[in-house]
Amino acid sequence: MQTDIEQTIRRYLAASAGTANNPTDYTIRCFIGMIEGGECDIGLFQKVGGDWLVERIKEYATEIGSIVE
């Protein structure tokens, strides 16, 4: 059974899947905010989206000066 936050992440991914099915920078920034705000951890993004999503989150976090672990 999915948690509410997991369902939210999946909805964000589905809604922002633009060109080549990649989430927008805005969506990735929202994910970083979820981690920074303590709503979830990077492990949940690993579960939902796998390595590619975790790497994209970490790359974008570095670009904006945030640290996500």
PDB file of N, CA and C in Angstrom:
ATOM      1  N   MET A   1       0.833  -1.182   0.000  1.00  0.00           N
ATOM      2  CA  MET A   1       0.000   0.000   0.000  1.00  0.00           C
ATOM      3  C   MET A   1       0.880   1.249   0.000  1.00  0.00           C
ATOM      4  N   GLN A   2       0.515   2.214  -0.802  1.00  0.00           N
ATOM      5  CA  GLN A   2       1.284   3.440  -0.912  1.00  0.00           C
ATOM      6  C   GLN A   2       0.888   4.436   0.174  1.00  0.00           C
ATOM      7  N   THR A   3       1.882   5.147   0.672  1.00  0.00           N
ATOM      8  CA  THR A   3       1.611   6.217   1.624  1.00  0.00           C
ATOM      9  C   THR A   3       1.111   7.444   0.862  1.00  0.00           C
ATOM     10  N   ASP A   4       0.570   8.395   1.591  1.00  0.00           N
ATOM     11  CA  ASP A   4       0.090   9.629   0.952  1.00  0.00           C
ATOM     12  C   ASP A   4       1.219  10.359   0.235  1.00  0.00           C
ATOM     13  N   ILE A   5       2.374  10.442   0.852  1.00  0.00           N
ATOM     14  CA  ILE A   5       3.495  11.177   0.235  1.00  0.00           C
ATOM     15  C   ILE A   5       3.982  10.447  -1.016  1.00  0.00           C
ATOM     16  N   GLU A   6       3.962   9.131  -0.986  1.00  0.00           N
ATOM     17  CA  GLU A   6       4.363   8.358  -2.168  1.00  0.00           C
ATOM     18  C   GLU A   6       3.376   8.607  -3.318  1.00  0.00           C
ATOM     19  N   GLN A   7       2.104   8.666  -3.018  1.00  0.00           N
ATOM     20  CA  GLN A   7       1.105   8.962  -4.040  1.00  0.00           C
ATOM     21  C   GLN A   7       1.304  10.375  -4.591  1.00  0.00           C
ATOM     22  N   THR A   8       1.636  11.307  -3.713  1.00  0.00           N
ATOM     23  CA  THR A   8       1.891  12.686  -4.141  1.00  0.00           C
ATOM     24  C   THR A   8       3.075  12.736  -5.096  1.00  0.00           C
ATOM     25  N   ILE A   9       4.144  12.049  -4.770  1.00  0.00           N
ATOM     26  CA  ILE A   9       5.329  12.019  -5.633  1.00  0.00           C
ATOM     27  C   ILE A   9       4.970  11.445  -6.997  1.00  0.00           C
ATOM     28  N   ARG A  10       4.238  10.360  -7.012  1.00  0.00           N
ATOM     29  CA  ARG A  10       3.828   9.745  -8.281  1.00  0.00           C
ATOM     30  C   ARG A  10       2.946  10.696  -9.108  1.00  0.00           C
ATOM     31  N   ARG A  11       2.057  11.426  -8.453  1.00  0.00           N
ATOM     32  CA  ARG A  11       1.217  12.399  -9.163  1.00  0.00           C
ATOM     33  C   ARG A  11       2.065  13.521  -9.751  1.00  0.00           C
ATOM     34  N   TYR A  12       3.024  14.029  -8.978  1.00  0.00           N
ATOM     35  CA  TYR A  12       3.925  15.078  -9.479  1.00  0.00           C
ATOM     36  C   TYR A  12       4.676  14.583 -10.716  1.00  0.00           C
ATOM     37  N   LEU A  13       5.176  13.365 -10.641  1.00  0.00           N
ATOM     38  CA  LEU A  13       5.917  12.814 -11.781  1.00  0.00           C
ATOM     39  C   LEU A  13       5.027  12.684 -13.008  1.00  0.00           C
ATOM     40  N   ALA A  14       3.835  12.178 -12.824  1.00  0.00           N
ATOM     41  CA  ALA A  14       2.924  11.993 -13.953  1.00  0.00           C
ATOM     42  C   ALA A  14       2.491  13.332 -14.549  1.00  0.00           C
ATOM     43  N   ALA A  15       2.241  14.302 -13.711  1.00  0.00           N
ATOM     44  CA  ALA A  15       1.756  15.601 -14.182  1.00  0.00           C
ATOM     45  C   ALA A  15       2.843  16.411 -14.892  1.00  0.00           C
ATOM     46  N   SER A  16       4.102  16.201 -14.521  1.00  0.00           N
ATOM     47  CA  SER A  16       5.169  17.028 -15.094  1.00  0.00           C
ATOM     48  C   SER A  16       5.985  16.297 -16.151  1.00  0.00           C
ATOM     49  N   ALA A  17       5.553  15.121 -16.534  1.00  0.00           N
ATOM     50  CA  ALA A  17       6.306  14.326 -17.500  1.00  0.00           C
ATOM     51  C   ALA A  17       6.178  14.939 -18.887  1.00  0.00           C
ATOM     52  N   GLY A  18       7.054  15.864 -19.170  1.00  0.00           N
ATOM     53  CA  GLY A  18       7.026  16.554 -20.457  1.00  0.00           C
ATOM     54  C   GLY A  18       7.837  15.822 -21.498  1.00  0.00           C
ATOM     55  N   THR A  19       8.707  16.533 -22.163  1.00  0.00           N
ATOM     56  CA  THR A  19       9.530  15.987 -23.223  1.00  0.00           C
ATOM     57  C   THR A  19      10.345  14.803 -22.708  1.00  0.00           C
ATOM     58  N   ALA A  20      10.291  13.723 -23.438  1.00  0.00           N
ATOM     59  CA  ALA A  20      11.033  12.492 -23.123  1.00  0.00           C
ATOM     60  C   ALA A  20      10.688  11.938 -21.748  1.00  0.00           C
ATOM     61  N   ASN A  21       9.499  12.296 -21.253  1.00  0.00           N
ATOM     62  CA  ASN A  21       9.015  11.783 -19.977  1.00  0.00           C
ATOM     63  C   ASN A  21       9.907  12.169 -18.791  1.00  0.00           C
ATOM     64  N   ASN A  22      10.550  13.319 -18.866  1.00  0.00           N
ATOM     65  CA  ASN A  22      11.394  13.806 -17.775  1.00  0.00           C
ATOM     66  C   ASN A  22      10.647  14.839 -16.948  1.00  0.00           C
ATOM     67  N   PRO A  23      10.767  14.782 -15.622  1.00  0.00           N
ATOM     68  CA  PRO A  23      10.109  15.789 -14.788  1.00  0.00           C
ATOM     69  C   PRO A  23      10.750  17.166 -14.982  1.00  0.00           C
ATOM     70  N   THR A  24       9.953  18.194 -14.799  1.00  0.00           N
ATOM     71  CA  THR A  24      10.447  19.562 -14.946  1.00  0.00           C
ATOM     72  C   THR A  24      11.368  19.929 -13.785  1.00  0.00           C
ATOM     73  N   ASP A  25      12.151  20.982 -13.992  1.00  0.00           N
ATOM     74  CA  ASP A  25      13.003  21.481 -12.910  1.00  0.00           C
ATOM     75  C   ASP A  25      12.154  21.898 -11.711  1.00  0.00           C
ATOM     76  N   TYR A  26      10.992  22.469 -11.987  1.00  0.00           N
ATOM     77  CA  TYR A  26      10.101  22.878 -10.899  1.00  0.00           C
ATOM     78  C   TYR A  26       9.713  21.673 -10.047  1.00  0.00           C
ATOM     79  N   THR A  27       9.371  20.573 -10.689  1.00  0.00           N
ATOM     80  CA  THR A  27       8.998  19.359  -9.949  1.00  0.00           C
ATOM     81  C   THR A  27      10.167  18.845  -9.135  1.00  0.00           C
ATOM     82  N   ILE A  28      11.349  18.839  -9.721  1.00  0.00           N
ATOM     83  CA  ILE A  28      12.534  18.387  -8.985  1.00  0.00           C
ATOM     84  C   ILE A  28      12.777  19.299  -7.784  1.00  0.00           C
ATOM     85  N   ARG A  29      12.569  20.615  -7.964  1.00  0.00           N
ATOM     86  CA  ARG A  29      12.744  21.557  -6.852  1.00  0.00           C
ATOM     87  C   ARG A  29      11.729  21.279  -5.752  1.00  0.00           C
ATOM     88  N   CYS A  30      10.508  20.930  -6.136  1.00  0.00           N
ATOM     89  CA  CYS A  30       9.495  20.546  -5.143  1.00  0.00           C
ATOM     90  C   CYS A  30       9.939  19.314  -4.361  1.00  0.00           C
ATOM     91  N   PHE A  31      10.529  18.352  -5.068  1.00  0.00           N
ATOM     92  CA  PHE A  31      11.021  17.149  -4.397  1.00  0.00           C
ATOM     93  C   PHE A  31      12.121  17.497  -3.398  1.00  0.00           C
ATOM     94  N   ILE A  32      13.006  18.388  -3.793  1.00  0.00           N
ATOM     95  CA  ILE A  32      14.075  18.827  -2.884  1.00  0.00           C
ATOM     96  C   ILE A  32      13.454  19.484  -1.654  1.00  0.00           C
ATOM     97  N   GLY A  33      12.434  20.291  -1.874  1.00  0.00           N
ATOM     98  CA  GLY A  33      11.727  20.916  -0.757  1.00  0.00           C
ATOM     99  C   GLY A  33      11.086  19.904   0.172  1.00  0.00           C
ATOM    100  N   MET A  34      10.554  18.826  -0.388  1.00  0.00           N
ATOM    101  CA  MET A  34       9.971  17.769   0.433  1.00  0.00           C
ATOM    102  C   MET A  34      11.031  17.135   1.333  1.00  0.00           C
ATOM    103  N   ILE A  35      12.220  16.947   0.777  1.00  0.00           N
ATOM    104  CA  ILE A  35      13.315  16.365   1.554  1.00  0.00           C
ATOM    105  C   ILE A  35      13.787  17.360   2.615  1.00  0.00           C
ATOM    106  N   GLU A  36      14.014  18.605   2.200  1.00  0.00           N
ATOM    107  CA  GLU A  36      14.465  19.631   3.139  1.00  0.00           C
ATOM    108  C   GLU A  36      13.458  19.861   4.266  1.00  0.00           C
ATOM    109  N   GLY A  37      12.173  19.759   3.931  1.00  0.00           N
ATOM    110  CA  GLY A  37      11.121  19.981   4.913  1.00  0.00           C
ATOM    111  C   GLY A  37      10.829  18.787   5.805  1.00  0.00           C
ATOM    112  N   GLY A  38      11.489  17.668   5.536  1.00  0.00           N
ATOM    113  CA  GLY A  38      11.316  16.489   6.374  1.00  0.00           C
ATOM    114  C   GLY A  38      10.070  15.667   6.054  1.00  0.00           C
ATOM    115  N   GLU A  39       9.417  15.956   4.924  1.00  0.00           N
ATOM    116  CA  GLU A  39       8.237  15.176   4.544  1.00  0.00           C
ATOM    117  C   GLU A  39       8.605  13.754   4.149  1.00  0.00           C
ATOM    118  N   CYS A  40       9.799  13.591   3.580  1.00  0.00           N
ATOM    119  CA  CYS A  40      10.263  12.277   3.150  1.00  0.00           C
ATOM    120  C   CYS A  40      11.779  12.331   3.017  1.00  0.00           C
ATOM    121  N   ASP A  41      12.358  11.197   2.668  1.00  0.00           N
ATOM    122  CA  ASP A  41      13.811  11.166   2.477  1.00  0.00           C
ATOM    123  C   ASP A  41      14.126  10.680   1.070  1.00  0.00           C
ATOM    124  N   ILE A  42      15.389  10.747   0.727  1.00  0.00           N
ATOM    125  CA  ILE A  42      15.827  10.383  -0.618  1.00  0.00           C
ATOM    126  C   ILE A  42      15.504   8.914  -0.924  1.00  0.00           C
ATOM    127  N   GLY A  43      15.436   8.092   0.100  1.00  0.00           N
ATOM    128  CA  GLY A  43      15.111   6.679  -0.090  1.00  0.00           C
ATOM    129  C   GLY A  43      13.743   6.459  -0.703  1.00  0.00           C
ATOM    130  N   LEU A  44      12.800   7.320  -0.384  1.00  0.00           N
ATOM    131  CA  LEU A  44      11.468   7.177  -0.971  1.00  0.00           C
ATOM    132  C   LEU A  44      11.507   7.482  -2.460  1.00  0.00           C
ATOM    133  N   PHE A  45      12.326   8.458  -2.860  1.00  0.00           N
ATOM    134  CA  PHE A  45      12.461   8.756  -4.285  1.00  0.00           C
ATOM    135  C   PHE A  45      13.156   7.605  -5.014  1.00  0.00           C
ATOM    136  N   GLN A  46      14.049   6.937  -4.321  1.00  0.00           N
ATOM    137  CA  GLN A  46      14.691   5.739  -4.885  1.00  0.00           C
ATOM    138  C   GLN A  46      13.636   4.671  -5.134  1.00  0.00           C
ATOM    139  N   LYS A  47      12.749   4.497  -4.174  1.00  0.00           N
ATOM    140  CA  LYS A  47      11.689   3.494  -4.289  1.00  0.00           C
ATOM    141  C   LYS A  47      10.722   3.830  -5.426  1.00  0.00           C
ATOM    142  N   VAL A  48      10.345   5.088  -5.536  1.00  0.00           N
ATOM    143  CA  VAL A  48       9.351   5.502  -6.527  1.00  0.00           C
ATOM    144  C   VAL A  48       9.943   5.595  -7.927  1.00  0.00           C
ATOM    145  N   GLY A  49      11.123   6.234  -8.049  1.00  0.00           N
ATOM    146  CA  GLY A  49      11.654   6.524  -9.381  1.00  0.00           C
ATOM    147  C   GLY A  49      12.966   5.870  -9.726  1.00  0.00           C
ATOM    148  N   GLY A  50      13.595   5.258  -8.769  1.00  0.00           N
ATOM    149  CA  GLY A  50      14.852   4.580  -9.038  1.00  0.00           C
ATOM    150  C   GLY A  50      16.048   5.511  -9.110  1.00  0.00           C
ATOM    151  N   ASP A  51      17.147   4.958  -9.592  1.00  0.00           N
ATOM    152  CA  ASP A  51      18.421   5.684  -9.624  1.00  0.00           C
ATOM    153  C   ASP A  51      18.362   6.973 -10.425  1.00  0.00           C
ATOM    154  N   TRP A  52      17.668   6.941 -11.587  1.00  0.00           N
ATOM    155  CA  TRP A  52      17.648   8.131 -12.441  1.00  0.00           C
ATOM    156  C   TRP A  52      17.032   9.319 -11.722  1.00  0.00           C
ATOM    157  N   LEU A  53      15.969   9.077 -10.930  1.00  0.00           N
ATOM    158  CA  LEU A  53      15.320  10.171 -10.215  1.00  0.00           C
ATOM    159  C   LEU A  53      16.202  10.686  -9.079  1.00  0.00           C
ATOM    160  N   VAL A  54      16.807   9.788  -8.348  1.00  0.00           N
ATOM    161  CA  VAL A  54      17.699  10.192  -7.260  1.00  0.00           C
ATOM    162  C   VAL A  54      18.866  11.002  -7.808  1.00  0.00           C
ATOM    163  N   GLU A  55      19.451  10.549  -8.901  1.00  0.00           N
ATOM    164  CA  GLU A  55      20.571  11.292  -9.495  1.00  0.00           C
ATOM    165  C   GLU A  55      20.140  12.675  -9.957  1.00  0.00           C
ATOM    166  N   ARG A  56      18.956  12.776 -10.565  1.00  0.00           N
ATOM    167  CA  ARG A  56      18.459  14.082 -11.024  1.00  0.00           C
ATOM    168  C   ARG A  56      18.215  15.021  -9.844  1.00  0.00           C
ATOM    169  N   ILE A  57      17.659  14.493  -8.766  1.00  0.00           N
ATOM    170  CA  ILE A  57      17.432  15.304  -7.571  1.00  0.00           C
ATOM    171  C   ILE A  57      18.760  15.806  -7.020  1.00  0.00           C
ATOM    172  N   LYS A  58      19.747  14.913  -6.909  1.00  0.00           N
ATOM    173  CA  LYS A  58      21.054  15.307  -6.370  1.00  0.00           C
ATOM    174  C   LYS A  58      21.760  16.310  -7.275  1.00  0.00           C
ATOM    175  N   GLU A  59      21.671  16.121  -8.584  1.00  0.00           N
ATOM    176  CA  GLU A  59      22.289  17.054  -9.534  1.00  0.00           C
ATOM    177  C   GLU A  59      21.676  18.444  -9.394  1.00  0.00           C
ATOM    178  N   TYR A  60      20.353  18.496  -9.371  1.00  0.00           N
ATOM    179  CA  TYR A  60      19.678  19.793  -9.281  1.00  0.00           C
ATOM    180  C   TYR A  60      19.916  20.439  -7.922  1.00  0.00           C
ATOM    181  N   ALA A  61      19.957  19.637  -6.878  1.00  0.00           N
ATOM    182  CA  ALA A  61      20.244  20.169  -5.544  1.00  0.00           C
ATOM    183  C   ALA A  61      21.619  20.832  -5.526  1.00  0.00           C
ATOM    184  N   THR A  62      22.583  20.204  -6.155  1.00  0.00           N
ATOM    185  CA  THR A  62      23.928  20.786  -6.234  1.00  0.00           C
ATOM    186  C   THR A  62      23.892  22.103  -6.993  1.00  0.00           C
ATOM    187  N   GLU A  63      23.148  22.150  -8.091  1.00  0.00           N
ATOM    188  CA  GLU A  63      23.033  23.368  -8.895  1.00  0.00           C
ATOM    189  C   GLU A  63      22.472  24.533  -8.089  1.00  0.00           C
ATOM    190  N   ILE A  64      21.530  24.261  -7.189  1.00  0.00           N
ATOM    191  CA  ILE A  64      20.893  25.346  -6.446  1.00  0.00           C
ATOM    192  C   ILE A  64      21.489  25.534  -5.055  1.00  0.00           C
ATOM    193  N   GLY A  65      22.515  24.774  -4.730  1.00  0.00           N
ATOM    194  CA  GLY A  65      23.208  24.942  -3.460  1.00  0.00           C
ATOM    195  C   GLY A  65      22.534  24.267  -2.282  1.00  0.00           C
ATOM    196  N   SER A  66      21.790  23.218  -2.541  1.00  0.00           N
ATOM    197  CA  SER A  66      21.128  22.460  -1.487  1.00  0.00           C
ATOM    198  C   SER A  66      21.840  21.131  -1.326  1.00  0.00           C
ATOM    199  N   ILE A  67      21.705  20.562  -0.154  1.00  0.00           N
ATOM    200  CA  ILE A  67      22.308  19.254   0.101  1.00  0.00           C
ATOM    201  C   ILE A  67      21.187  18.287   0.474  1.00  0.00           C
ATOM    202  N   VAL A  68      21.069  17.232  -0.295  1.00  0.00           N
ATOM    203  CA  VAL A  68      20.083  16.192   0.006  1.00  0.00           C
ATOM    204  C   VAL A  68      20.826  14.870   0.164  1.00  0.00           C
ATOM    205  N   GLU A  69      20.473  14.170   1.175  1.00  0.00           N
ATOM    206  CA  GLU A  69      21.098  12.871   1.453  1.00  0.00           C
ATOM    207  C   GLU A  69      20.039  11.850   1.721  1.00  0.00           C
TER     208      GLU A  69
END
